[in-house]
Protein backbone atom coordinates (compact mmCIF):
# COMPACT_ATOMS: atom_id res chain seq x y z
CA MET A 1 98.88 57.22 142.56
CA ASN A 2 100.91 60.61 141.26
CA TYR A 3 98.97 63.51 139.79
CA THR A 4 99.61 62.34 136.42
CA ASP A 5 98.35 59.09 136.63
CA PHE A 6 95.13 60.74 138.28
CA ARG A 7 95.05 63.33 135.63
CA ASN A 8 95.66 60.70 132.53
CA LYS A 9 92.60 58.44 134.22
CA PHE A 10 90.19 61.15 134.75
CA GLN A 11 90.49 63.94 132.40
CA HIS A 12 87.69 62.71 130.39
CA LEU A 13 85.20 63.16 133.38
CA PRO A 14 83.58 66.58 134.07
CA ILE A 15 82.92 65.45 137.75
CA ILE A 16 85.31 62.97 140.15
CA ALA A 17 83.57 61.52 143.30
CA SER A 18 86.72 60.54 146.01
CA LYS A 19 85.26 57.42 146.82
CA ASP A 20 85.41 56.16 143.21
CA VAL A 21 89.04 57.11 143.52
CA VAL A 22 89.64 55.74 146.89
CA ARG A 23 88.70 52.14 145.82
CA LEU A 24 91.41 51.94 143.49
CA GLU A 25 93.79 52.38 146.15
CA LYS A 26 95.12 50.52 149.13
CA GLY A 27 95.85 53.50 151.22
CA LYS A 28 92.28 55.30 151.61
CA GLN A 29 93.71 57.91 153.69
CA ALA A 30 97.02 58.63 151.87
CA MET A 31 94.50 59.03 148.95
CA ARG A 32 92.21 61.66 150.72
CA ASN A 33 95.59 63.65 151.78
CA GLN A 34 96.29 63.90 148.06
CA PHE A 35 93.45 65.23 147.29
CA ASN A 36 93.72 67.79 150.01
CA ARG A 37 97.25 68.45 148.49
CA TRP A 38 96.05 68.69 145.08
CA GLN A 39 93.27 71.08 146.06
CA ASN A 40 95.51 73.33 147.95
CA LYS A 41 97.68 73.56 144.68
CA GLY A 42 94.85 74.47 142.49
CA LEU A 43 95.19 71.10 140.53
CA LEU A 44 91.54 70.24 141.88
CA ILE A 45 88.26 72.04 142.38
CA GLN A 46 86.48 70.68 145.38
CA LEU A 47 82.53 71.21 144.22
CA LYS A 48 81.53 69.72 147.82
CA ARG A 49 82.95 67.24 149.96
CA GLY A 50 83.82 63.91 148.20
CA LEU A 51 83.21 65.63 145.11
CA TYR A 52 85.70 67.26 142.69
CA ALA A 53 86.68 68.38 138.97
CA LEU A 54 90.15 68.68 137.68
CA ASN A 55 91.19 72.40 136.85
CA GLU A 56 90.73 73.64 133.47
CA ASN A 57 94.21 73.02 131.87
CA ASP A 58 94.14 69.20 132.93
CA ARG A 59 90.61 68.37 132.12
CA LYS A 60 89.98 67.62 128.55
CA VAL A 61 85.99 68.07 128.93
CA GLY A 62 83.97 71.05 129.58
CA LEU A 63 81.51 71.62 132.45
CA ASN A 64 77.95 72.02 132.36
CA PHE A 65 76.95 74.08 135.46
CA HIS A 66 73.27 72.61 135.28
CA SER A 67 74.57 69.15 135.49
CA ILE A 68 76.98 70.00 138.00
CA ALA A 69 73.77 71.17 140.19
CA ASN A 70 71.76 67.89 139.74
CA ASN A 71 74.89 66.11 140.73
CA LEU A 72 75.75 68.21 143.68
CA TYR A 73 72.29 67.68 145.51
CA ALA A 74 70.30 64.80 144.18
CA PRO A 75 67.35 64.66 143.99
CA SER A 76 66.86 67.98 142.09
CA TYR A 77 66.04 69.82 139.07
CA ILE A 78 66.74 73.22 137.67
CA SER A 79 63.96 75.59 138.39
CA LEU A 80 63.43 79.08 139.48
CA GLU A 81 65.18 81.96 138.12
CA THR A 82 67.64 79.67 136.44
CA ALA A 83 65.28 78.14 134.52
CA LEU A 84 63.17 80.95 133.63
CA ASN A 85 66.26 82.48 131.85
CA PHE A 86 66.94 79.26 130.19
CA TYR A 87 63.74 79.84 128.43
CA GLY A 88 63.57 83.43 127.98
CA LEU A 89 60.84 83.99 130.40
CA ILE A 90 63.13 86.64 132.36
CA PRO A 91 65.63 88.88 130.63
CA GLU A 92 68.03 88.84 133.63
CA ARG A 93 70.80 85.98 133.67
CA THR A 94 71.22 84.89 137.41
CA VAL A 95 74.69 84.53 139.04
CA ASP A 96 73.72 81.92 141.63
CA LEU A 97 72.33 78.64 139.83
CA THR A 98 68.67 77.70 141.47
CA SER A 99 67.17 74.31 141.78
CA VAL A 100 64.36 72.53 144.02
CA THR A 101 64.58 69.39 146.05
CA THR A 102 62.75 67.05 148.22
CA LYS A 103 65.84 67.27 150.26
CA LYS A 104 65.95 70.42 153.06
CA THR A 105 67.20 73.51 151.64
CA ALA A 106 70.78 73.83 151.27
CA ILE A 107 73.77 76.23 149.60
CA PHE A 108 76.71 75.40 148.08
CA LYS A 109 79.50 77.60 146.90
CA ASN A 110 82.43 76.60 145.14
CA LYS A 111 85.13 78.33 142.95
CA LEU A 112 82.70 77.64 139.86
CA GLY A 113 79.89 79.59 142.01
CA THR A 114 76.79 79.22 144.25
CA PHE A 115 74.34 76.58 143.87
CA ILE A 116 71.13 76.95 145.60
CA TYR A 117 68.59 74.76 146.47
CA GLN A 118 64.83 75.18 147.95
CA HIS A 119 62.89 72.46 149.05
CA ILE A 120 59.48 71.20 147.76
CA LYS A 121 57.10 68.59 148.99
CA PRO A 122 57.79 65.09 147.15
CA GLY A 123 54.16 65.10 145.86
CA VAL A 124 54.76 68.64 143.94
CA PHE A 125 58.59 67.18 142.89
CA ARG A 126 57.38 66.62 139.02
CA GLY A 127 56.81 68.42 135.62
CA PHE A 128 60.83 68.69 134.79
CA LYS A 129 62.33 66.95 131.99
CA GLU A 130 65.76 65.50 130.83
CA VAL A 131 67.57 68.16 128.55
CA LYS A 132 71.04 67.67 126.70
CA ASP A 133 73.52 70.39 125.99
CA ASN A 134 75.48 70.57 122.65
CA SER A 135 78.19 68.90 124.45
CA GLY A 136 75.69 65.55 125.38
CA TYR A 137 75.70 66.33 128.96
CA SER A 138 72.26 66.13 130.11
CA PHE A 139 70.23 67.89 133.26
CA PHE A 140 66.75 67.80 134.64
CA ILE A 141 64.71 71.24 134.46
CA ALA A 142 61.45 72.05 134.80
CA GLU A 143 59.16 72.41 132.42
CA PRO A 144 58.73 76.54 131.55
CA GLU A 145 55.10 76.40 133.21
CA LYS A 146 56.70 74.20 136.19
CA ALA A 147 59.33 76.63 136.69
CA VAL A 148 56.81 79.48 136.72
CA VAL A 149 54.49 77.78 139.33
CA ASP A 150 57.78 76.81 141.51
CA PHE A 151 58.78 80.57 141.50
CA LEU A 152 55.51 81.80 142.48
CA TYR A 153 55.25 78.94 145.19
CA LEU A 154 58.49 79.63 146.76
CA ASN A 155 57.96 83.63 146.47
CA LEU A 156 54.00 83.73 147.19
CA SER A 157 54.79 85.97 150.43
CA LYS A 158 55.46 88.60 147.82
CA PHE A 159 52.34 88.31 145.51
CA LYS A 160 48.93 89.78 145.82
CA THR A 161 46.29 87.57 144.15
CA GLU A 162 44.97 90.66 142.33
CA ASP A 163 48.28 92.30 140.96
CA GLN A 164 48.98 91.68 137.49
CA ASP A 165 51.73 94.45 137.12
CA ILE A 166 54.08 92.63 139.67
CA PHE A 167 54.98 90.10 136.93
CA GLU A 168 55.94 92.64 134.19
CA ILE A 169 57.13 95.70 136.30
CA SER A 170 58.73 93.63 139.45
CA TYR A 171 59.78 90.57 137.80
CA ARG A 172 59.89 91.08 134.11
CA PHE A 173 58.42 88.46 132.78
CA GLN A 174 58.53 88.44 128.99
CA ASN A 175 57.82 85.89 126.01
CA VAL A 176 55.05 84.29 128.17
CA GLU A 177 52.45 84.03 125.23
CA GLY A 178 54.06 80.59 124.52
CA LEU A 179 53.34 79.37 127.71
CA LYS A 180 50.26 77.21 128.49
CA ALA A 181 47.83 78.33 131.29
CA LEU A 182 46.14 75.08 131.75
CA ARG A 183 49.50 73.44 132.35
CA ILE A 184 50.47 75.89 134.87
CA LEU A 185 46.63 75.83 136.78
CA GLU A 186 47.42 72.00 136.99
CA GLN A 187 50.56 72.20 138.39
CA ALA A 188 49.54 74.70 140.77
CA ASP A 189 46.57 72.26 142.14
CA LEU A 190 48.97 69.94 143.27
CA PHE A 191 50.62 72.32 145.96
CA ASN A 192 47.27 72.30 147.69
CA ASN A 193 47.53 75.98 148.41
CA SER A 194 44.82 78.14 147.58
CA LYS A 195 46.46 81.36 147.42
CA LEU A 196 48.89 79.89 144.83
CA VAL A 197 46.31 78.88 142.85
CA LYS A 198 44.69 82.30 142.95
CA VAL A 199 47.88 84.07 141.99
CA CYS A 200 48.44 81.45 139.12
CA GLN A 201 45.16 82.34 137.97
CA ASN A 202 46.09 86.25 137.92
CA PHE A 203 49.59 84.85 136.06
CA CYS A 204 47.29 83.00 133.51
CA LYS A 205 45.35 86.32 132.79
CA PHE A 206 48.57 88.29 132.44
CA ILE A 207 49.55 85.63 129.83
CA LYS A 208 46.51 86.06 127.91
CA GLU A 209 46.57 89.85 128.00
CA GLY A 210 50.27 89.61 126.72
CA ALA A 211 49.38 87.57 124.01
């Protein structure tokens, strides 16, 4: 398959899996070599081994980085700083895209950016929902309260159980009045971590005082 045929066939897909392409060709190794050549020419963007996107000029669809994050490493959902910013709970737009996964912690770097995945136990892999953007792309993202709990849990060593100032001064939490304290405590209980529960209780006090 030459590049023109390849482009015409896949230009409406945001993500291309090489395994799906080689099924269409008799010479699998030759097709893999083509992928390497197209990547070196800038025609293809390698997201990770076996997963690609067409270059911006040849692609007929946009890219949703949240959806890409879900596909790079599954199962996973957007959480932590990226989700907190998505909901306006912290002001800073994060450069790296952060997710949680039941797999081991991993980082993927490509031309689109850095995608970080932190491990949580399967028993707490919940509290997320499917969201669609304006282009119709769907992705999984933590509910606001779960994003808070995931963040507190994975940064637990930085928090003291009675320190409320850290939420506003160090992490600049904002717009917290819409968060549901009961939902936060329910999600925290699932982690079976007494310190996390105490920190979340303190965070709920911070919500109440800020409301």
